[in-house]
Amino acid sequence: MTPTHAQDYRYPLGLARLTEIDGAAGEAVIAALADIAPDLATAIIQFGFGEIYSRPGLSLRDREIATIAALTAMGTATPQLKVHLHGGLNVGLTRAEITEVIFQMALYAGFPAALNGMFAAKEVFADRGV
């Protein structure tokens, strides 16, 4: 996969950041978009990971806490939540920290969203042997 604008530094930066956080899971999402929406994959890499995840000010660990909280609160993004739960573990979050972030969302997003998030976390923890 190549960036739309070859001179754009964000693509290689974003691809490196995506791999650092999500490893094979992130790469699988990008690969799954190749035949239907390669420009969306490029945007995720360039903007999401090359711009936002590469900004100074928050560690990757802190960014994954925020992302897990947001995806849990949405309640409609379970596949993306699972990718970022893996990412959270990859950047040093513990099982206890992740479950506490999801539990916190019960207050702001409601118990159904927190339950869905917790069950997604349970699957990821089982997959990872955590």
Protein backbone atom coordinates (compact mmCIF):
# COMPACT_ATOMS: atom_id res chain seq x y z
CA MET A 1 0.00 0.00 0.00
CA THR A 2 1.36 3.42 -0.88
CA PRO A 3 0.30 6.85 0.30
CA THR A 4 -1.83 9.00 -1.98
CA HIS A 5 0.81 11.73 -1.76
CA ALA A 6 4.23 10.10 -1.83
CA GLN A 7 5.89 13.16 -0.32
CA ASP A 8 3.61 12.97 2.74
CA TYR A 9 5.72 12.10 5.79
CA ARG A 10 2.62 11.11 7.75
CA TYR A 11 2.12 7.80 5.98
CA PRO A 12 5.39 6.09 7.02
CA LEU A 13 5.15 7.71 10.46
CA GLY A 14 1.56 6.53 10.85
CA LEU A 15 2.32 3.02 9.62
CA ALA A 16 5.15 2.71 12.15
CA ARG A 17 2.88 3.99 14.95
CA LEU A 18 0.04 1.65 13.94
CA THR A 19 2.41 -1.31 14.00
CA GLU A 20 3.82 -0.24 17.38
CA ILE A 21 0.37 -0.05 18.95
CA ASP A 22 -1.73 -2.66 17.22
CA GLY A 23 0.74 -4.97 15.49
CA ALA A 24 -0.92 -7.58 13.33
CA ALA A 25 -4.45 -6.58 14.35
CA GLY A 26 -4.04 -3.07 12.96
CA GLU A 27 -2.37 -4.37 9.83
CA ALA A 28 -5.30 -6.78 9.34
CA VAL A 29 -7.79 -3.91 9.44
CA ILE A 30 -5.80 -1.98 6.84
CA ALA A 31 -5.46 -5.08 4.65
CA ALA A 32 -9.20 -5.74 4.89
CA LEU A 33 -9.86 -2.29 3.42
CA ALA A 34 -7.52 -2.77 0.44
CA ASP A 35 -10.13 -4.12 -1.95
CA ILE A 36 -13.03 -1.88 -0.95
CA ALA A 37 -11.69 1.41 0.45
CA PRO A 38 -7.92 1.80 0.16
CA ASP A 39 -8.25 5.57 0.56
CA LEU A 40 -9.91 5.03 3.95
CA ALA A 41 -6.97 2.84 4.97
CA THR A 42 -4.58 5.58 3.86
CA ALA A 43 -6.54 8.19 5.83
CA ILE A 44 -6.48 6.04 8.96
CA ILE A 45 -2.73 5.64 8.66
CA GLN A 46 -1.92 9.24 7.64
CA PHE A 47 -4.34 11.13 9.84
CA GLY A 48 -5.21 8.78 12.68
CA PHE A 49 -1.77 7.42 13.35
CA GLY A 50 0.53 9.83 11.47
CA GLU A 51 -1.10 12.98 12.87
CA ILE A 52 -3.13 12.25 16.00
CA TYR A 53 -1.31 9.28 17.56
CA SER A 54 2.06 10.88 16.75
CA ARG A 55 1.38 14.19 18.50
CA PRO A 56 3.40 15.11 21.57
CA GLY A 57 1.59 15.68 24.85
CA LEU A 58 0.22 12.22 25.64
CA SER A 59 1.98 8.90 25.78
CA LEU A 60 0.70 6.01 23.68
CA ARG A 61 -0.49 4.47 26.94
CA ASP A 62 -2.59 7.56 27.72
CA ARG A 63 -3.91 7.71 24.17
CA GLU A 64 -5.06 4.09 24.40
CA ILE A 65 -6.84 4.82 27.70
CA ALA A 66 -8.72 7.66 25.99
CA THR A 67 -9.48 5.52 22.95
CA ILE A 68 -10.74 2.57 25.00
CA ALA A 69 -12.95 4.94 26.99
CA ALA A 70 -14.36 6.58 23.86
CA LEU A 71 -15.02 3.32 22.01
CA THR A 72 -16.64 1.83 25.10
CA ALA A 73 -18.84 4.90 25.51
CA MET A 74 -19.91 4.74 21.86
CA GLY A 75 -21.30 1.27 22.47
CA THR A 76 -21.38 0.58 18.73
CA ALA A 77 -17.74 -0.03 17.88
CA THR A 78 -16.94 -3.41 19.39
CA PRO A 79 -14.56 -4.56 16.61
CA GLN A 80 -12.56 -1.33 16.92
CA LEU A 81 -12.67 -1.57 20.71
CA LYS A 82 -11.14 -5.05 20.56
CA VAL A 83 -8.30 -3.79 18.35
CA HIS A 84 -7.58 -1.01 20.85
CA LEU A 85 -7.86 -3.34 23.83
CA HIS A 86 -5.05 -5.33 22.24
CA GLY A 87 -3.28 -2.04 21.61
CA GLY A 88 -3.67 -1.02 25.23
CA LEU A 89 -2.08 -4.26 26.36
CA ASN A 90 0.68 -3.76 23.77
CA VAL A 91 1.59 -0.35 25.20
CA GLY A 92 1.60 -1.45 28.83
CA LEU A 93 -1.93 -1.20 30.18
CA THR A 94 -2.84 -3.91 32.66
CA ARG A 95 -6.02 -5.93 32.77
CA ALA A 96 -6.99 -4.08 35.96
CA GLU A 97 -6.45 -0.67 34.36
CA ILE A 98 -8.47 -1.58 31.29
CA THR A 99 -11.38 -2.96 33.29
CA GLU A 100 -11.36 0.15 35.49
CA VAL A 101 -11.52 2.43 32.43
CA ILE A 102 -14.47 0.43 31.09
CA PHE A 103 -16.16 0.44 34.51
CA GLN A 104 -15.76 4.25 34.65
CA MET A 105 -17.76 4.48 31.43
CA ALA A 106 -20.82 3.01 33.18
CA LEU A 107 -21.20 6.40 34.86
CA TYR A 108 -21.00 8.44 31.66
CA ALA A 109 -22.20 6.10 28.92
CA GLY A 110 -24.48 3.77 30.85
CA PHE A 111 -24.33 0.20 31.99
CA PRO A 112 -25.18 -1.35 28.60
CA ALA A 113 -22.13 0.30 26.99
CA ALA A 114 -19.92 -0.69 29.92
CA LEU A 115 -21.21 -4.27 29.81
CA ASN A 116 -20.54 -4.52 26.07
CA GLY A 117 -17.07 -3.12 26.64
CA MET A 118 -16.36 -5.50 29.49
CA PHE A 119 -17.43 -8.52 27.45
CA ALA A 120 -15.19 -7.37 24.59
CA ALA A 121 -12.33 -7.05 27.10
CA LYS A 122 -13.08 -10.52 28.45
CA GLU A 123 -12.66 -11.94 24.93
CA VAL A 124 -9.42 -10.05 24.33
CA PHE A 125 -8.00 -11.10 27.71
CA ALA A 126 -8.86 -14.73 26.92
CA ASP A 127 -7.22 -14.45 23.49
CA ARG A 128 -4.11 -13.00 25.07
CA GLY A 129 -4.03 -15.26 28.14
CA VAL A 130 -4.21 -12.21 30.42
